[in-house]
Amino acid sequence: MPTESRPALNLRLSPAGEGDFEALLSLRLAAMRESLERVGRFDPQRARERLSRGYLPAYTRHIQQDGELVGFVVVVPREHDWLLDHLYIHPSAQGAGVGSWVLAEVLKEADAQHKAVSVTALKHSDANRFYLRHGFVLQAEGEWDLYYLRSARK
C-alpha cells in the first residue's frame, strides 16, 4: 500500500515495524480510554493482549502529522474483503479530519482492488457515527461491538 500525504493537514502514512508495539499500544490506550471507560471495559492488560494478538507490522502504518506519530491504522487483506482491524487517532489530533483522511486513503486503496472493507466498533463509541458517515453499513451486533461493511466500489 503506498505512502500518501495531505499537505493541508501535513499528514503521512508510513510503515510500522516490529519495534513499534509499545508506542502503538500507548496510543491505542489514549485513543480508546474514554469510550471503554464509558462502558466499564477499560483494562490496559486486555488492550495489550488484544493488540499483541493481532499486531501485524506488515499491515500496520503510522499516521504522522507534521512528522509526529498521531495514530495508526491496520488493514489486513483477506480473501473477499479487507479488515480494517485498527484505526486509532490520539485524542490531541481527534476532530481535525485526520481519521477521515486516513479512512479515505484506505477506501481509495480498497476500491482500486475492488475489495469491500469490514470494521468492528465498540458499542456507544463515537466511531460508530464516523463509520456510518463514511459509507459503512451495520451488518451485525454483538455483546460489546457493532460490525460494519463498506461494499466494494467498481
N, C-alpha and C. Protein backbone atom coordinates (compact mmCIF):
# COMPACT_ATOMS: atom_id res chain seq x y z
N MET A 1 0.85 -1.18 0.00
CA MET A 1 0.00 0.00 0.00
C MET A 1 0.89 1.24 0.00
N PRO A 2 0.61 2.19 -0.84
CA PRO A 2 1.51 3.33 -1.00
C PRO A 2 1.44 4.30 0.17
N THR A 3 2.50 5.04 0.35
CA THR A 3 2.53 6.12 1.32
C THR A 3 1.97 7.36 0.64
N GLU A 4 1.05 8.03 1.29
CA GLU A 4 0.42 9.22 0.73
C GLU A 4 0.62 10.36 1.70
N SER A 5 0.39 11.57 1.25
CA SER A 5 0.42 12.71 2.16
C SER A 5 -0.68 13.68 1.79
N ARG A 6 -1.09 14.48 2.75
CA ARG A 6 -2.10 15.51 2.55
C ARG A 6 -1.50 16.82 3.05
N PRO A 7 -1.18 17.73 2.16
CA PRO A 7 -0.49 18.95 2.55
C PRO A 7 -1.24 19.80 3.58
N ALA A 8 -2.56 19.96 3.44
CA ALA A 8 -3.29 20.86 4.33
C ALA A 8 -3.14 20.47 5.80
N LEU A 9 -3.23 19.21 6.10
CA LEU A 9 -3.05 18.74 7.47
C LEU A 9 -1.64 18.20 7.70
N ASN A 10 -0.84 18.20 6.65
CA ASN A 10 0.51 17.66 6.69
C ASN A 10 0.52 16.24 7.26
N LEU A 11 -0.29 15.39 6.66
CA LEU A 11 -0.43 14.01 7.10
C LEU A 11 0.33 13.07 6.19
N ARG A 12 0.79 11.98 6.78
CA ARG A 12 1.54 10.99 6.03
C ARG A 12 1.33 9.62 6.67
N LEU A 13 1.21 8.61 5.83
CA LEU A 13 1.20 7.22 6.29
C LEU A 13 2.58 6.64 6.04
N SER A 14 3.10 5.93 7.03
CA SER A 14 4.41 5.30 6.86
C SER A 14 4.39 3.92 7.52
N PRO A 15 5.21 3.01 7.03
CA PRO A 15 5.20 1.63 7.56
C PRO A 15 5.61 1.57 9.03
N ALA A 16 4.98 0.66 9.75
CA ALA A 16 5.36 0.38 11.14
C ALA A 16 6.32 -0.80 11.13
N GLY A 17 7.00 -0.98 12.24
CA GLY A 17 7.95 -2.07 12.34
C GLY A 17 7.74 -2.90 13.59
N GLU A 18 8.53 -3.95 13.72
CA GLU A 18 8.44 -4.86 14.87
C GLU A 18 8.61 -4.12 16.20
N GLY A 19 9.49 -3.13 16.23
CA GLY A 19 9.79 -2.44 17.48
C GLY A 19 8.82 -1.34 17.86
N ASP A 20 7.74 -1.20 17.14
CA ASP A 20 6.79 -0.11 17.39
C ASP A 20 5.65 -0.47 18.33
N PHE A 21 5.59 -1.70 18.79
CA PHE A 21 4.43 -2.17 19.54
C PHE A 21 4.10 -1.29 20.75
N GLU A 22 5.07 -1.01 21.61
CA GLU A 22 4.79 -0.26 22.85
C GLU A 22 4.25 1.14 22.55
N ALA A 23 4.82 1.82 21.57
CA ALA A 23 4.34 3.17 21.22
C ALA A 23 2.91 3.11 20.70
N LEU A 24 2.61 2.08 19.89
CA LEU A 24 1.26 1.96 19.34
C LEU A 24 0.27 1.55 20.42
N LEU A 25 0.70 0.71 21.37
CA LEU A 25 -0.17 0.35 22.49
C LEU A 25 -0.52 1.59 23.30
N SER A 26 0.46 2.43 23.60
CA SER A 26 0.19 3.66 24.37
C SER A 26 -0.80 4.54 23.63
N LEU A 27 -0.63 4.64 22.33
CA LEU A 27 -1.54 5.44 21.53
C LEU A 27 -2.95 4.85 21.57
N ARG A 28 -3.06 3.54 21.43
CA ARG A 28 -4.37 2.87 21.48
C ARG A 28 -5.06 3.12 22.82
N LEU A 29 -4.31 2.99 23.91
CA LEU A 29 -4.89 3.21 25.23
C LEU A 29 -5.42 4.64 25.36
N ALA A 30 -4.65 5.61 24.89
CA ALA A 30 -5.09 7.01 24.96
C ALA A 30 -6.34 7.23 24.11
N ALA A 31 -6.35 6.65 22.92
CA ALA A 31 -7.47 6.86 21.99
C ALA A 31 -8.75 6.19 22.47
N MET A 32 -8.64 5.03 23.10
CA MET A 32 -9.83 4.25 23.47
C MET A 32 -10.28 4.45 24.92
N ARG A 33 -9.47 5.06 25.74
CA ARG A 33 -9.77 5.15 27.17
C ARG A 33 -11.18 5.65 27.45
N GLU A 34 -11.55 6.79 26.90
CA GLU A 34 -12.86 7.39 27.20
C GLU A 34 -14.01 6.47 26.79
N SER A 35 -13.96 5.92 25.58
CA SER A 35 -15.03 5.04 25.11
C SER A 35 -15.13 3.79 25.97
N LEU A 36 -13.99 3.22 26.30
CA LEU A 36 -14.01 1.99 27.10
C LEU A 36 -14.45 2.25 28.53
N GLU A 37 -14.05 3.37 29.10
CA GLU A 37 -14.49 3.71 30.46
C GLU A 37 -16.00 3.92 30.48
N ARG A 38 -16.54 4.50 29.41
CA ARG A 38 -17.98 4.77 29.33
C ARG A 38 -18.79 3.49 29.46
N VAL A 39 -18.26 2.36 28.95
CA VAL A 39 -19.00 1.09 29.03
C VAL A 39 -18.40 0.15 30.08
N GLY A 40 -17.52 0.69 30.94
CA GLY A 40 -16.94 -0.10 32.02
C GLY A 40 -15.98 -1.18 31.56
N ARG A 41 -15.28 -0.96 30.44
CA ARG A 41 -14.41 -2.00 29.88
C ARG A 41 -12.95 -1.56 29.72
N PHE A 42 -12.55 -0.46 30.35
CA PHE A 42 -11.16 -0.04 30.21
C PHE A 42 -10.27 -0.95 31.04
N ASP A 43 -9.39 -1.65 30.38
CA ASP A 43 -8.48 -2.59 31.03
C ASP A 43 -7.19 -2.61 30.21
N PRO A 44 -6.14 -1.93 30.70
CA PRO A 44 -4.89 -1.85 29.93
C PRO A 44 -4.30 -3.23 29.59
N GLN A 45 -4.45 -4.20 30.48
CA GLN A 45 -3.90 -5.53 30.20
C GLN A 45 -4.67 -6.21 29.06
N ARG A 46 -5.99 -6.11 29.07
CA ARG A 46 -6.79 -6.68 27.99
C ARG A 46 -6.46 -5.99 26.67
N ALA A 47 -6.26 -4.67 26.70
CA ALA A 47 -5.89 -3.93 25.49
C ALA A 47 -4.54 -4.40 24.96
N ARG A 48 -3.59 -4.64 25.86
CA ARG A 48 -2.28 -5.15 25.46
C ARG A 48 -2.41 -6.52 24.80
N GLU A 49 -3.19 -7.39 25.41
CA GLU A 49 -3.36 -8.74 24.87
C GLU A 49 -4.04 -8.71 23.50
N ARG A 50 -5.08 -7.88 23.36
CA ARG A 50 -5.78 -7.81 22.07
C ARG A 50 -4.86 -7.28 20.97
N LEU A 51 -4.13 -6.21 21.28
CA LEU A 51 -3.26 -5.66 20.26
C LEU A 51 -2.10 -6.61 19.94
N SER A 52 -1.56 -7.27 20.94
CA SER A 52 -0.42 -8.18 20.69
C SER A 52 -0.85 -9.39 19.87
N ARG A 53 -2.08 -9.87 20.07
CA ARG A 53 -2.58 -11.00 19.26
C ARG A 53 -2.67 -10.65 17.80
N GLY A 54 -3.01 -9.41 17.52
CA GLY A 54 -3.25 -9.02 16.14
C GLY A 54 -2.22 -8.05 15.59
N TYR A 55 -1.09 -7.87 16.28
CA TYR A 55 -0.11 -6.90 15.78
C TYR A 55 0.64 -7.49 14.61
N LEU A 56 0.34 -6.96 13.44
CA LEU A 56 0.95 -7.42 12.20
C LEU A 56 1.66 -6.23 11.56
N PRO A 57 2.94 -6.05 11.85
CA PRO A 57 3.65 -4.89 11.32
C PRO A 57 3.55 -4.73 9.80
N ALA A 58 3.46 -5.83 9.08
CA ALA A 58 3.39 -5.75 7.62
C ALA A 58 2.13 -5.03 7.14
N TYR A 59 1.09 -5.00 7.97
CA TYR A 59 -0.18 -4.38 7.59
C TYR A 59 -0.46 -3.11 8.40
N THR A 60 0.51 -2.66 9.16
CA THR A 60 0.35 -1.54 10.08
C THR A 60 1.09 -0.32 9.53
N ARG A 61 0.40 0.82 9.57
CA ARG A 61 1.03 2.07 9.15
C ARG A 61 0.85 3.13 10.23
N HIS A 62 1.91 3.88 10.46
CA HIS A 62 1.85 5.04 11.33
C HIS A 62 1.08 6.15 10.62
N ILE A 63 0.37 6.92 11.40
CA ILE A 63 -0.24 8.15 10.90
C ILE A 63 0.58 9.27 11.53
N GLN A 64 1.23 10.03 10.68
CA GLN A 64 2.08 11.11 11.17
C GLN A 64 1.51 12.45 10.73
N GLN A 65 1.56 13.39 11.65
CA GLN A 65 1.15 14.76 11.35
C GLN A 65 2.32 15.65 11.72
N ASP A 66 2.78 16.41 10.76
CA ASP A 66 3.97 17.25 10.97
C ASP A 66 5.13 16.43 11.52
N GLY A 67 5.25 15.19 11.06
CA GLY A 67 6.35 14.32 11.47
C GLY A 67 6.16 13.63 12.80
N GLU A 68 5.07 13.90 13.50
CA GLU A 68 4.80 13.29 14.81
C GLU A 68 3.77 12.18 14.68
N LEU A 69 3.96 11.11 15.44
CA LEU A 69 3.01 9.99 15.45
C LEU A 69 1.73 10.44 16.14
N VAL A 70 0.61 10.42 15.39
CA VAL A 70 -0.69 10.80 15.98
C VAL A 70 -1.70 9.67 15.89
N GLY A 71 -1.31 8.55 15.28
CA GLY A 71 -2.23 7.43 15.18
C GLY A 71 -1.61 6.29 14.42
N PHE A 72 -2.43 5.24 14.26
CA PHE A 72 -2.01 4.13 13.41
C PHE A 72 -3.23 3.44 12.85
N VAL A 73 -2.99 2.76 11.73
CA VAL A 73 -4.05 2.03 11.05
C VAL A 73 -3.51 0.66 10.67
N VAL A 74 -4.36 -0.35 10.83
CA VAL A 74 -4.02 -1.71 10.43
C VAL A 74 -5.10 -2.20 9.49
N VAL A 75 -4.70 -2.56 8.27
CA VAL A 75 -5.62 -3.07 7.27
C VAL A 75 -5.09 -4.43 6.83
N VAL A 76 -5.89 -5.47 7.08
CA VAL A 76 -5.47 -6.84 6.78
C VAL A 76 -6.25 -7.35 5.57
N PRO A 77 -5.53 -7.64 4.48
CA PRO A 77 -6.22 -8.19 3.31
C PRO A 77 -6.70 -9.62 3.59
N ARG A 78 -7.94 -9.86 3.19
CA ARG A 78 -8.49 -11.21 3.31
C ARG A 78 -9.00 -11.62 1.93
N GLU A 79 -9.47 -12.84 1.81
CA GLU A 79 -9.86 -13.34 0.50
C GLU A 79 -10.95 -12.48 -0.16
N HIS A 80 -12.01 -12.15 0.59
CA HIS A 80 -13.15 -11.46 -0.02
C HIS A 80 -13.28 -10.00 0.39
N ASP A 81 -12.48 -9.57 1.36
CA ASP A 81 -12.54 -8.18 1.79
C ASP A 81 -11.24 -7.79 2.47
N TRP A 82 -11.20 -6.56 2.93
CA TRP A 82 -10.11 -6.09 3.77
C TRP A 82 -10.69 -5.84 5.15
N LEU A 83 -9.96 -6.22 6.17
CA LEU A 83 -10.36 -5.96 7.54
C LEU A 83 -9.64 -4.72 8.04
N LEU A 84 -10.40 -3.68 8.33
CA LEU A 84 -9.85 -2.51 9.00
C LEU A 84 -9.81 -2.88 10.48
N ASP A 85 -8.69 -3.45 10.89
CA ASP A 85 -8.58 -4.06 12.21
C ASP A 85 -8.36 -3.02 13.31
N HIS A 86 -7.64 -1.96 13.00
CA HIS A 86 -7.38 -0.90 13.98
C HIS A 86 -7.29 0.43 13.24
N LEU A 87 -7.89 1.45 13.82
CA LEU A 87 -7.71 2.82 13.38
C LEU A 87 -7.83 3.68 14.64
N TYR A 88 -6.70 4.15 15.10
CA TYR A 88 -6.68 4.94 16.34
C TYR A 88 -5.99 6.26 16.08
N ILE A 89 -6.61 7.32 16.57
CA ILE A 89 -6.07 8.67 16.48
C ILE A 89 -5.93 9.17 17.92
N HIS A 90 -4.76 9.71 18.25
CA HIS A 90 -4.55 10.25 19.59
C HIS A 90 -5.57 11.35 19.86
N PRO A 91 -6.09 11.43 21.08
CA PRO A 91 -7.11 12.45 21.39
C PRO A 91 -6.69 13.88 21.00
N SER A 92 -5.41 14.19 21.08
CA SER A 92 -4.95 15.54 20.72
C SER A 92 -5.13 15.85 19.24
N ALA A 93 -5.29 14.81 18.41
CA ALA A 93 -5.45 15.01 16.97
C ALA A 93 -6.86 14.66 16.48
N GLN A 94 -7.74 14.25 17.39
CA GLN A 94 -9.10 13.89 17.00
C GLN A 94 -9.91 15.13 16.68
N GLY A 95 -10.86 14.97 15.77
CA GLY A 95 -11.77 16.05 15.42
C GLY A 95 -11.21 17.04 14.41
N ALA A 96 -10.03 16.74 13.87
CA ALA A 96 -9.40 17.66 12.92
C ALA A 96 -9.38 17.12 11.50
N GLY A 97 -10.04 15.98 11.27
CA GLY A 97 -10.08 15.41 9.94
C GLY A 97 -9.03 14.35 9.66
N VAL A 98 -8.22 14.03 10.65
CA VAL A 98 -7.16 13.03 10.46
C VAL A 98 -7.76 11.66 10.15
N GLY A 99 -8.70 11.22 10.95
CA GLY A 99 -9.33 9.91 10.74
C GLY A 99 -10.04 9.84 9.39
N SER A 100 -10.71 10.90 9.01
CA SER A 100 -11.40 10.92 7.71
C SER A 100 -10.40 10.81 6.57
N TRP A 101 -9.26 11.50 6.69
CA TRP A 101 -8.23 11.43 5.66
C TRP A 101 -7.69 10.00 5.56
N VAL A 102 -7.38 9.40 6.70
CA VAL A 102 -6.84 8.03 6.70
C VAL A 102 -7.85 7.07 6.09
N LEU A 103 -9.11 7.17 6.53
CA LEU A 103 -10.13 6.26 6.00
C LEU A 103 -10.32 6.46 4.50
N ALA A 104 -10.28 7.69 4.04
CA ALA A 104 -10.39 7.95 2.60
C ALA A 104 -9.25 7.28 1.84
N GLU A 105 -8.05 7.31 2.39
CA GLU A 105 -6.90 6.64 1.75
C GLU A 105 -7.13 5.13 1.70
N VAL A 106 -7.56 4.55 2.81
CA VAL A 106 -7.82 3.11 2.86
C VAL A 106 -8.91 2.72 1.87
N LEU A 107 -9.99 3.48 1.83
CA LEU A 107 -11.09 3.16 0.92
C LEU A 107 -10.68 3.32 -0.54
N LYS A 108 -9.86 4.32 -0.83
CA LYS A 108 -9.37 4.50 -2.19
C LYS A 108 -8.53 3.29 -2.61
N GLU A 109 -7.68 2.80 -1.71
CA GLU A 109 -6.86 1.61 -1.99
C GLU A 109 -7.74 0.37 -2.17
N ALA A 110 -8.75 0.23 -1.31
CA ALA A 110 -9.66 -0.92 -1.42
C ALA A 110 -10.44 -0.86 -2.73
N ASP A 111 -10.90 0.32 -3.10
CA ASP A 111 -11.64 0.48 -4.35
C ASP A 111 -10.78 0.09 -5.54
N ALA A 112 -9.51 0.46 -5.50
CA ALA A 112 -8.61 0.13 -6.61
C ALA A 112 -8.44 -1.39 -6.76
N GLN A 113 -8.63 -2.11 -5.66
CA GLN A 113 -8.54 -3.58 -5.67
C GLN A 113 -9.92 -4.24 -5.71
N HIS A 114 -10.98 -3.44 -5.80
CA HIS A 114 -12.36 -3.94 -5.83
C HIS A 114 -12.67 -4.79 -4.60
N LYS A 115 -12.26 -4.30 -3.43
CA LYS A 115 -12.46 -5.02 -2.18
C LYS A 115 -13.41 -4.27 -1.26
N ALA A 116 -14.26 -5.01 -0.59
CA ALA A 116 -15.08 -4.46 0.48
C ALA A 116 -14.18 -4.26 1.71
N VAL A 117 -14.63 -3.45 2.65
CA VAL A 117 -13.88 -3.22 3.88
C VAL A 117 -14.80 -3.50 5.05
N SER A 118 -14.33 -4.34 5.97
CA SER A 118 -15.07 -4.66 7.20
C SER A 118 -14.40 -3.97 8.38
N VAL A 119 -15.22 -3.59 9.35
CA VAL A 119 -14.69 -2.97 10.56
C VAL A 119 -15.62 -3.28 11.73
N THR A 120 -15.04 -3.34 12.91
CA THR A 120 -15.79 -3.54 14.15
C THR A 120 -15.60 -2.32 15.02
N ALA A 121 -16.67 -1.84 15.65
CA ALA A 121 -16.58 -0.69 16.54
C ALA A 121 -17.28 -1.01 17.86
N LEU A 122 -16.73 -0.50 18.92
CA LEU A 122 -17.30 -0.66 20.25
C LEU A 122 -18.66 0.04 20.30
N LYS A 123 -19.65 -0.65 20.85
CA LYS A 123 -20.96 -0.01 21.03
C LYS A 123 -20.79 1.28 21.83
N HIS A 124 -21.59 2.25 21.54
CA HIS A 124 -21.62 3.54 22.23
C HIS A 124 -20.36 4.37 21.99
N SER A 125 -19.55 3.98 21.02
CA SER A 125 -18.35 4.74 20.68
C SER A 125 -18.69 5.75 19.60
N ASP A 126 -18.00 6.88 19.60
CA ASP A 126 -18.17 7.87 18.54
C ASP A 126 -17.77 7.29 17.19
N ALA A 127 -16.98 6.22 17.19
CA ALA A 127 -16.54 5.59 15.94
C ALA A 127 -17.74 5.12 15.11
N ASN A 128 -18.83 4.76 15.74
CA ASN A 128 -19.99 4.26 15.00
C ASN A 128 -20.54 5.32 14.05
N ARG A 129 -20.70 6.54 14.52
CA ARG A 129 -21.16 7.63 13.65
C ARG A 129 -20.13 7.89 12.54
N PHE A 130 -18.87 7.81 12.89
CA PHE A 130 -17.79 8.02 11.93
C PHE A 130 -17.88 7.03 10.78
N TYR A 131 -18.03 5.74 11.09
CA TYR A 131 -18.08 4.73 10.03
C TYR A 131 -19.36 4.84 9.21
N LEU A 132 -20.47 5.13 9.85
CA LEU A 132 -21.73 5.32 9.10
C LEU A 132 -21.60 6.50 8.13
N ARG A 133 -21.00 7.59 8.58
CA ARG A 133 -20.79 8.77 7.73
C ARG A 133 -19.94 8.46 6.50
N HIS A 134 -19.08 7.44 6.62
CA HIS A 134 -18.17 7.11 5.53
C HIS A 134 -18.64 5.91 4.71
N GLY A 135 -19.93 5.61 4.76
CA GLY A 135 -20.49 4.63 3.86
C GLY A 135 -20.53 3.19 4.35
N PHE A 136 -20.20 2.96 5.60
CA PHE A 136 -20.30 1.61 6.15
C PHE A 136 -21.74 1.33 6.56
N VAL A 137 -22.12 0.07 6.47
CA VAL A 137 -23.48 -0.35 6.79
C VAL A 137 -23.39 -1.39 7.91
N LEU A 138 -24.23 -1.22 8.93
CA LEU A 138 -24.26 -2.16 10.04
C LEU A 138 -24.68 -3.54 9.55
N GLN A 139 -23.91 -4.56 9.90
CA GLN A 139 -24.18 -5.93 9.48
C GLN A 139 -24.65 -6.81 10.63
N ALA A 140 -24.10 -6.58 11.82
CA ALA A 140 -24.43 -7.44 12.97
C ALA A 140 -24.07 -6.71 14.26
N GLU A 141 -24.64 -7.23 15.34
CA GLU A 141 -24.41 -6.64 16.65
C GLU A 141 -24.03 -7.75 17.62
N GLY A 142 -22.94 -7.52 18.36
CA GLY A 142 -22.51 -8.46 19.38
C GLY A 142 -22.75 -7.87 20.76
N GLU A 143 -22.27 -8.54 21.78
CA GLU A 143 -22.48 -8.06 23.15
C GLU A 143 -21.85 -6.68 23.37
N TRP A 144 -20.63 -6.48 22.86
CA TRP A 144 -19.90 -5.25 23.08
C TRP A 144 -19.65 -4.44 21.81
N ASP A 145 -19.78 -5.10 20.66
CA ASP A 145 -19.34 -4.49 19.40
C ASP A 145 -20.44 -4.47 18.35
N LEU A 146 -20.24 -3.57 17.37
CA LEU A 146 -21.06 -3.50 16.17
C LEU A 146 -20.15 -3.80 14.98
N TYR A 147 -20.69 -4.54 14.01
CA TYR A 147 -19.91 -5.00 12.86
C TYR A 147 -20.44 -4.34 11.60
N TYR A 148 -19.52 -3.69 10.85
CA TYR A 148 -19.88 -2.92 9.68
C TYR A 148 -19.18 -3.44 8.43
N LEU A 149 -19.78 -3.12 7.29
CA LEU A 149 -19.19 -3.46 6.00
C LEU A 149 -19.40 -2.28 5.07
N ARG A 150 -18.37 -1.95 4.32
CA ARG A 150 -18.47 -0.98 3.23
C ARG A 150 -18.21 -1.79 1.97
N SER A 151 -19.22 -1.90 1.12
CA SER A 151 -19.13 -2.73 -0.08
C SER A 151 -18.05 -2.23 -1.02
N ALA A 152 -17.58 -3.17 -1.83
CA ALA A 152 -16.57 -2.82 -2.83
C ALA A 152 -17.18 -1.86 -3.85
N ARG A 153 -16.40 -0.92 -4.28
CA ARG A 153 -16.81 0.02 -5.33
C ARG A 153 -16.11 -0.39 -6.61
N LYS A 154 -16.82 -0.35 -7.71
CA LYS A 154 -16.24 -0.73 -9.01
C LYS A 154 -15.68 0.48 -9.71
